[in-house]
Amino acid sequence: MIKTSIKQNIILGIVMWFFGTTIIGIPVVLGIVLYRGFCLGYTISTFITIMGLSKGLSFILITLVIQNLIFIPAILGISVSGIKLYKSITKNKETENIKVEMLRHTLFSLLMIILLILSSTVETFLSTNMLKLTIKYF
């Protein structure tokens, strides 16, 4: 499970980095953020609807919140870095400045990919073990 989760998060980070470096790819980056936010919101509302408010919220806090405290800022960080790169490319046409901003975006994206890997490990080990401990209460 951890191998699959890490692989998916690395691919997501690389795709967001790549589309963040292109001017045409910024809508794709924003679409990915919108899609992930919609999926998370839909999942939360489904659990609350099916399990009730108290059980649903406790289930969400145990299983979803912990890894998403790391995952969501990492995804938003990559997208904001891509948008900042886009603005610097369109505003300033100097090649040296664009190279520096591209290097910043790449290094920051690598840092965020490391956070995505950390999110995968938290999801695999911490969230599942917490769920195993508390499943009898649901």
N, C-alpha and C. Protein backbone atom coordinates (compact mmCIF):
# COMPACT_ATOMS: atom_id res chain seq x y z
N MET A 1 0.82 -1.19 0.00
CA MET A 1 0.00 0.00 0.00
C MET A 1 0.87 1.27 0.00
N ILE A 2 1.95 1.23 0.75
CA ILE A 2 2.80 2.42 0.82
C ILE A 2 3.49 2.68 -0.51
N LYS A 3 3.89 1.63 -1.20
CA LYS A 3 4.56 1.79 -2.49
C LYS A 3 3.63 2.46 -3.50
N THR A 4 2.37 2.02 -3.52
CA THR A 4 1.40 2.59 -4.44
C THR A 4 1.11 4.05 -4.10
N SER A 5 0.93 4.34 -2.82
CA SER A 5 0.63 5.70 -2.40
C SER A 5 1.78 6.65 -2.70
N ILE A 6 3.00 6.22 -2.40
CA ILE A 6 4.17 7.06 -2.69
C ILE A 6 4.32 7.28 -4.19
N LYS A 7 4.12 6.22 -4.97
CA LYS A 7 4.22 6.34 -6.43
C LYS A 7 3.20 7.33 -6.98
N GLN A 8 1.95 7.24 -6.50
CA GLN A 8 0.92 8.16 -6.97
C GLN A 8 1.22 9.59 -6.58
N ASN A 9 1.70 9.81 -5.36
CA ASN A 9 2.00 11.17 -4.92
C ASN A 9 3.21 11.75 -5.65
N ILE A 10 4.21 10.92 -5.94
CA ILE A 10 5.36 11.41 -6.70
C ILE A 10 4.94 11.78 -8.11
N ILE A 11 4.13 10.95 -8.73
CA ILE A 11 3.64 11.25 -10.08
C ILE A 11 2.82 12.54 -10.07
N LEU A 12 1.96 12.70 -9.06
CA LEU A 12 1.17 13.92 -8.94
C LEU A 12 2.07 15.14 -8.79
N GLY A 13 3.09 15.04 -7.95
CA GLY A 13 4.01 16.16 -7.76
C GLY A 13 4.78 16.50 -9.03
N ILE A 14 5.23 15.48 -9.76
CA ILE A 14 5.97 15.72 -11.00
C ILE A 14 5.07 16.33 -12.07
N VAL A 15 3.85 15.84 -12.16
CA VAL A 15 2.90 16.40 -13.14
C VAL A 15 2.60 17.87 -12.81
N MET A 16 2.39 18.15 -11.53
CA MET A 16 2.11 19.54 -11.15
C MET A 16 3.34 20.42 -11.39
N TRP A 17 4.54 19.88 -11.12
CA TRP A 17 5.75 20.66 -11.40
C TRP A 17 5.87 20.95 -12.89
N PHE A 18 5.67 19.91 -13.71
CA PHE A 18 5.82 20.09 -15.16
C PHE A 18 4.82 21.10 -15.69
N PHE A 19 3.55 20.95 -15.33
CA PHE A 19 2.56 21.89 -15.84
C PHE A 19 2.72 23.27 -15.22
N GLY A 20 3.32 23.34 -14.03
CA GLY A 20 3.59 24.65 -13.44
C GLY A 20 4.71 25.39 -14.13
N THR A 21 5.59 24.66 -14.83
CA THR A 21 6.69 25.32 -15.54
C THR A 21 6.29 25.81 -16.92
N THR A 22 5.14 25.37 -17.41
CA THR A 22 4.68 25.82 -18.72
C THR A 22 3.58 26.87 -18.54
N ILE A 23 3.53 27.78 -19.44
CA ILE A 23 2.52 28.83 -19.36
C ILE A 23 1.13 28.25 -19.63
N ILE A 24 1.05 27.32 -20.54
CA ILE A 24 -0.24 26.73 -20.90
C ILE A 24 -0.74 25.79 -19.81
N GLY A 25 0.15 25.27 -18.97
CA GLY A 25 -0.23 24.26 -17.98
C GLY A 25 -0.84 24.78 -16.70
N ILE A 26 -0.86 26.09 -16.48
CA ILE A 26 -1.41 26.63 -15.24
C ILE A 26 -2.88 26.24 -15.05
N PRO A 27 -3.74 26.27 -16.07
CA PRO A 27 -5.12 25.79 -15.85
C PRO A 27 -5.18 24.32 -15.45
N VAL A 28 -4.23 23.52 -15.92
CA VAL A 28 -4.20 22.10 -15.53
C VAL A 28 -3.86 21.99 -14.03
N VAL A 29 -2.90 22.78 -13.57
CA VAL A 29 -2.53 22.77 -12.16
C VAL A 29 -3.72 23.19 -11.30
N LEU A 30 -4.40 24.23 -11.71
CA LEU A 30 -5.57 24.68 -10.97
C LEU A 30 -6.69 23.64 -11.03
N GLY A 31 -6.82 22.96 -12.15
CA GLY A 31 -7.81 21.89 -12.27
C GLY A 31 -7.51 20.73 -11.33
N ILE A 32 -6.23 20.39 -11.18
CA ILE A 32 -5.85 19.31 -10.26
C ILE A 32 -6.19 19.70 -8.83
N VAL A 33 -5.88 20.93 -8.45
CA VAL A 33 -6.20 21.39 -7.09
C VAL A 33 -7.71 21.39 -6.88
N LEU A 34 -8.46 21.85 -7.86
CA LEU A 34 -9.92 21.85 -7.76
C LEU A 34 -10.47 20.44 -7.64
N TYR A 35 -9.95 19.52 -8.44
CA TYR A 35 -10.40 18.13 -8.41
C TYR A 35 -10.11 17.49 -7.05
N ARG A 36 -8.90 17.68 -6.53
CA ARG A 36 -8.55 17.08 -5.23
C ARG A 36 -9.40 17.67 -4.11
N GLY A 37 -9.66 18.96 -4.17
CA GLY A 37 -10.52 19.59 -3.17
C GLY A 37 -11.95 19.10 -3.25
N PHE A 38 -12.46 18.93 -4.46
CA PHE A 38 -13.81 18.42 -4.64
C PHE A 38 -13.92 16.99 -4.11
N CYS A 39 -12.93 16.16 -4.43
CA CYS A 39 -12.97 14.76 -3.96
C CYS A 39 -12.92 14.69 -2.44
N LEU A 40 -12.09 15.50 -1.81
CA LEU A 40 -12.00 15.49 -0.36
C LEU A 40 -13.30 15.98 0.27
N GLY A 41 -13.86 17.04 -0.26
CA GLY A 41 -15.12 17.55 0.26
C GLY A 41 -16.27 16.57 0.08
N TYR A 42 -16.31 15.91 -1.05
CA TYR A 42 -17.34 14.92 -1.32
C TYR A 42 -17.21 13.73 -0.37
N THR A 43 -15.98 13.30 -0.13
CA THR A 43 -15.74 12.19 0.79
C THR A 43 -16.18 12.55 2.20
N ILE A 44 -15.85 13.73 2.65
CA ILE A 44 -16.24 14.16 3.99
C ILE A 44 -17.75 14.23 4.11
N SER A 45 -18.41 14.83 3.14
CA SER A 45 -19.87 14.94 3.22
C SER A 45 -20.55 13.58 3.14
N THR A 46 -19.98 12.64 2.40
CA THR A 46 -20.55 11.29 2.32
C THR A 46 -20.44 10.58 3.66
N PHE A 47 -19.28 10.66 4.30
CA PHE A 47 -19.12 10.01 5.60
C PHE A 47 -20.05 10.62 6.65
N ILE A 48 -20.22 11.92 6.62
CA ILE A 48 -21.12 12.56 7.59
C ILE A 48 -22.56 12.16 7.31
N THR A 49 -22.94 12.08 6.05
CA THR A 49 -24.31 11.70 5.69
C THR A 49 -24.60 10.25 6.07
N ILE A 50 -23.69 9.35 5.80
CA ILE A 50 -23.92 7.93 6.05
C ILE A 50 -23.81 7.59 7.53
N MET A 51 -22.79 8.10 8.21
CA MET A 51 -22.51 7.70 9.58
C MET A 51 -23.15 8.61 10.63
N GLY A 52 -23.67 9.73 10.23
CA GLY A 52 -24.18 10.69 11.19
C GLY A 52 -23.10 11.70 11.54
N LEU A 53 -23.50 12.76 12.22
CA LEU A 53 -22.57 13.85 12.46
C LEU A 53 -21.45 13.46 13.42
N SER A 54 -21.76 12.88 14.56
CA SER A 54 -20.72 12.61 15.55
C SER A 54 -19.79 11.49 15.10
N LYS A 55 -20.35 10.38 14.63
CA LYS A 55 -19.50 9.28 14.18
C LYS A 55 -18.75 9.66 12.90
N GLY A 56 -19.41 10.36 12.02
CA GLY A 56 -18.77 10.77 10.77
C GLY A 56 -17.60 11.71 11.00
N LEU A 57 -17.79 12.71 11.87
CA LEU A 57 -16.70 13.64 12.16
C LEU A 57 -15.54 12.94 12.85
N SER A 58 -15.83 12.06 13.78
CA SER A 58 -14.73 11.36 14.45
C SER A 58 -13.99 10.44 13.47
N PHE A 59 -14.73 9.79 12.58
CA PHE A 59 -14.09 8.94 11.57
C PHE A 59 -13.22 9.77 10.64
N ILE A 60 -13.70 10.93 10.24
CA ILE A 60 -12.94 11.83 9.36
C ILE A 60 -11.68 12.32 10.07
N LEU A 61 -11.82 12.70 11.34
CA LEU A 61 -10.66 13.19 12.08
C LEU A 61 -9.59 12.11 12.23
N ILE A 62 -10.02 10.86 12.40
CA ILE A 62 -9.07 9.77 12.58
C ILE A 62 -8.40 9.39 11.25
N THR A 63 -9.17 9.32 10.18
CA THR A 63 -8.62 8.77 8.94
C THR A 63 -8.15 9.80 7.93
N LEU A 64 -8.83 10.91 7.79
CA LEU A 64 -8.52 11.83 6.69
C LEU A 64 -7.69 13.05 7.08
N VAL A 65 -7.93 13.58 8.25
CA VAL A 65 -7.35 14.88 8.58
C VAL A 65 -5.84 14.82 8.73
N ILE A 66 -5.33 13.76 9.33
CA ILE A 66 -3.90 13.71 9.64
C ILE A 66 -3.03 13.81 8.39
N GLN A 67 -3.29 12.95 7.41
CA GLN A 67 -2.44 13.01 6.21
C GLN A 67 -2.75 14.22 5.35
N ASN A 68 -3.98 14.71 5.40
CA ASN A 68 -4.31 15.89 4.58
C ASN A 68 -3.77 17.18 5.17
N LEU A 69 -3.36 17.17 6.44
CA LEU A 69 -2.68 18.33 7.00
C LEU A 69 -1.30 18.52 6.36
N ILE A 70 -0.77 17.46 5.80
CA ILE A 70 0.51 17.53 5.10
C ILE A 70 0.28 17.62 3.59
N PHE A 71 -0.68 16.85 3.08
CA PHE A 71 -0.92 16.73 1.65
C PHE A 71 -1.42 18.04 1.03
N ILE A 72 -2.42 18.65 1.64
CA ILE A 72 -3.04 19.85 1.06
C ILE A 72 -2.06 21.02 0.97
N PRO A 73 -1.30 21.36 2.04
CA PRO A 73 -0.33 22.44 1.86
C PRO A 73 0.74 22.15 0.81
N ALA A 74 1.13 20.88 0.67
CA ALA A 74 2.13 20.54 -0.35
C ALA A 74 1.59 20.77 -1.75
N ILE A 75 0.37 20.34 -2.00
CA ILE A 75 -0.25 20.54 -3.31
C ILE A 75 -0.46 22.03 -3.59
N LEU A 76 -0.94 22.74 -2.58
CA LEU A 76 -1.14 24.18 -2.77
C LEU A 76 0.19 24.91 -2.97
N GLY A 77 1.24 24.44 -2.28
CA GLY A 77 2.55 25.05 -2.44
C GLY A 77 3.09 24.90 -3.86
N ILE A 78 2.95 23.70 -4.42
CA ILE A 78 3.42 23.49 -5.80
C ILE A 78 2.62 24.37 -6.77
N SER A 79 1.32 24.46 -6.56
CA SER A 79 0.50 25.26 -7.49
C SER A 79 0.80 26.75 -7.37
N VAL A 80 0.99 27.24 -6.16
CA VAL A 80 1.31 28.66 -5.98
C VAL A 80 2.69 28.97 -6.56
N SER A 81 3.63 28.05 -6.39
CA SER A 81 4.96 28.24 -6.96
C SER A 81 4.89 28.28 -8.49
N GLY A 82 4.06 27.44 -9.08
CA GLY A 82 3.88 27.46 -10.53
C GLY A 82 3.25 28.75 -11.01
N ILE A 83 2.26 29.24 -10.27
CA ILE A 83 1.62 30.50 -10.64
C ILE A 83 2.60 31.66 -10.51
N LYS A 84 3.43 31.63 -9.47
CA LYS A 84 4.44 32.67 -9.30
C LYS A 84 5.45 32.64 -10.45
N LEU A 85 5.84 31.44 -10.87
CA LEU A 85 6.74 31.32 -12.01
C LEU A 85 6.09 31.85 -13.28
N TYR A 86 4.82 31.54 -13.47
CA TYR A 86 4.07 32.04 -14.63
C TYR A 86 4.05 33.56 -14.65
N LYS A 87 3.79 34.15 -13.49
CA LYS A 87 3.76 35.63 -13.43
C LYS A 87 5.12 36.23 -13.70
N SER A 88 6.17 35.59 -13.20
CA SER A 88 7.50 36.15 -13.45
C SER A 88 7.91 36.00 -14.91
N ILE A 89 7.46 34.93 -15.57
CA ILE A 89 7.77 34.75 -17.00
C ILE A 89 7.05 35.79 -17.84
N THR A 90 5.78 36.02 -17.54
CA THR A 90 5.01 36.97 -18.35
C THR A 90 5.36 38.42 -18.04
N LYS A 91 5.78 38.69 -16.82
CA LYS A 91 6.07 40.07 -16.44
C LYS A 91 7.49 40.49 -16.83
N ASN A 92 8.46 39.63 -16.59
CA ASN A 92 9.86 39.97 -16.82
C ASN A 92 10.43 39.03 -17.87
N LYS A 93 10.90 39.57 -18.95
CA LYS A 93 11.37 38.76 -20.07
C LYS A 93 12.88 38.45 -20.01
N GLU A 94 13.58 38.83 -18.94
CA GLU A 94 15.01 38.56 -18.85
C GLU A 94 15.24 37.07 -18.62
N THR A 95 16.15 36.49 -19.38
CA THR A 95 16.37 35.05 -19.29
C THR A 95 17.04 34.65 -17.98
N GLU A 96 17.90 35.49 -17.42
CA GLU A 96 18.54 35.16 -16.16
C GLU A 96 17.53 35.10 -15.03
N ASN A 97 16.61 36.04 -15.01
CA ASN A 97 15.57 36.05 -13.98
C ASN A 97 14.66 34.83 -14.11
N ILE A 98 14.36 34.44 -15.33
CA ILE A 98 13.50 33.28 -15.56
C ILE A 98 14.21 32.01 -15.12
N LYS A 99 15.52 31.92 -15.36
CA LYS A 99 16.29 30.75 -14.93
C LYS A 99 16.30 30.62 -13.41
N VAL A 100 16.47 31.74 -12.73
CA VAL A 100 16.47 31.73 -11.26
C VAL A 100 15.10 31.31 -10.74
N GLU A 101 14.05 31.86 -11.31
CA GLU A 101 12.70 31.50 -10.87
C GLU A 101 12.39 30.04 -11.18
N MET A 102 12.87 29.53 -12.29
CA MET A 102 12.68 28.12 -12.65
C MET A 102 13.40 27.22 -11.65
N LEU A 103 14.61 27.60 -11.26
CA LEU A 103 15.36 26.84 -10.27
C LEU A 103 14.65 26.87 -8.92
N ARG A 104 14.16 28.03 -8.53
CA ARG A 104 13.38 28.12 -7.28
C ARG A 104 12.16 27.23 -7.30
N HIS A 105 11.43 27.27 -8.40
CA HIS A 105 10.23 26.45 -8.53
C HIS A 105 10.57 24.96 -8.46
N THR A 106 11.66 24.57 -9.10
CA THR A 106 12.07 23.17 -9.10
C THR A 106 12.48 22.71 -7.70
N LEU A 107 13.29 23.50 -7.03
CA LEU A 107 13.72 23.12 -5.68
C LEU A 107 12.55 23.10 -4.70
N PHE A 108 11.67 24.08 -4.80
CA PHE A 108 10.51 24.10 -3.92
C PHE A 108 9.59 22.92 -4.21
N SER A 109 9.44 22.57 -5.48
CA SER A 109 8.61 21.42 -5.84
C SER A 109 9.21 20.12 -5.30
N LEU A 110 10.53 19.99 -5.33
CA LEU A 110 11.18 18.81 -4.75
C LEU A 110 10.91 18.71 -3.25
N LEU A 111 10.97 19.85 -2.57
CA LEU A 111 10.65 19.87 -1.14
C LEU A 111 9.19 19.46 -0.90
N MET A 112 8.30 19.93 -1.73
CA MET A 112 6.89 19.57 -1.59
C MET A 112 6.64 18.10 -1.94
N ILE A 113 7.41 17.55 -2.87
CA ILE A 113 7.29 16.12 -3.18
C ILE A 113 7.74 15.29 -1.99
N ILE A 114 8.76 15.76 -1.27
CA ILE A 114 9.17 15.06 -0.05
C ILE A 114 8.04 15.10 0.98
N LEU A 115 7.34 16.22 1.07
CA LEU A 115 6.18 16.29 1.97
C LEU A 115 5.06 15.37 1.51
N LEU A 116 4.89 15.22 0.21
CA LEU A 116 3.89 14.28 -0.31
C LEU A 116 4.25 12.84 0.05
N ILE A 117 5.53 12.51 0.02
CA ILE A 117 5.98 11.18 0.44
C ILE A 117 5.72 10.99 1.93
N LEU A 118 5.98 12.02 2.72
CA LEU A 118 5.68 11.96 4.15
C LEU A 118 4.19 11.77 4.39
N SER A 119 3.37 12.43 3.59
CA SER A 119 1.93 12.25 3.69
C SER A 119 1.52 10.82 3.40
N SER A 120 2.18 10.20 2.44
CA SER A 120 1.89 8.80 2.11
C SER A 120 2.24 7.87 3.26
N THR A 121 3.37 8.12 3.90
CA THR A 121 3.74 7.26 5.03
C THR A 121 2.83 7.46 6.21
N VAL A 122 2.40 8.70 6.46
CA VAL A 122 1.44 8.95 7.53
C VAL A 122 0.12 8.27 7.23
N GLU A 123 -0.32 8.34 5.98
CA GLU A 123 -1.56 7.69 5.57
C GLU A 123 -1.48 6.18 5.77
N THR A 124 -0.37 5.60 5.37
CA THR A 124 -0.23 4.15 5.42
C THR A 124 -0.09 3.63 6.85
N PHE A 125 0.75 4.25 7.63
CA PHE A 125 1.06 3.69 8.94
C PHE A 125 0.21 4.29 10.06
N LEU A 126 0.18 5.60 10.18
CA LEU A 126 -0.50 6.22 11.32
C LEU A 126 -2.01 6.14 11.21
N SER A 127 -2.55 6.55 10.07
CA SER A 127 -4.01 6.58 9.93
C SER A 127 -4.62 5.19 9.99
N THR A 128 -4.00 4.22 9.34
CA THR A 128 -4.57 2.87 9.36
C THR A 128 -4.48 2.25 10.75
N ASN A 129 -3.39 2.49 11.45
CA ASN A 129 -3.28 1.96 12.81
C ASN A 129 -4.26 2.62 13.77
N MET A 130 -4.47 3.93 13.60
CA MET A 130 -5.46 4.61 14.43
C MET A 130 -6.86 4.10 14.12
N LEU A 131 -7.12 3.81 12.85
CA LEU A 131 -8.42 3.27 12.48
C LEU A 131 -8.61 1.88 13.06
N LYS A 132 -7.58 1.06 13.05
CA LYS A 132 -7.67 -0.28 13.65
C LYS A 132 -7.98 -0.21 15.14
N LEU A 133 -7.39 0.78 15.81
CA LEU A 133 -7.63 0.92 17.25
C LEU A 133 -9.04 1.40 17.57
N THR A 134 -9.60 2.21 16.71
CA THR A 134 -10.90 2.82 17.01
C THR A 134 -12.08 2.24 16.22
N ILE A 135 -11.86 1.24 15.41
CA ILE A 135 -12.93 0.72 14.55
C ILE A 135 -14.06 0.10 15.38
N LYS A 136 -13.76 -0.43 16.55
CA LYS A 136 -14.81 -1.07 17.36
C LYS A 136 -15.83 -0.06 17.87
N TYR A 137 -15.50 1.21 17.88
CA TYR A 137 -16.44 2.25 18.34
C TYR A 137 -17.39 2.70 17.25
N PHE A 138 -17.13 2.32 16.02
CA PHE A 138 -18.00 2.71 14.93
C PHE A 138 -18.96 1.60 14.63
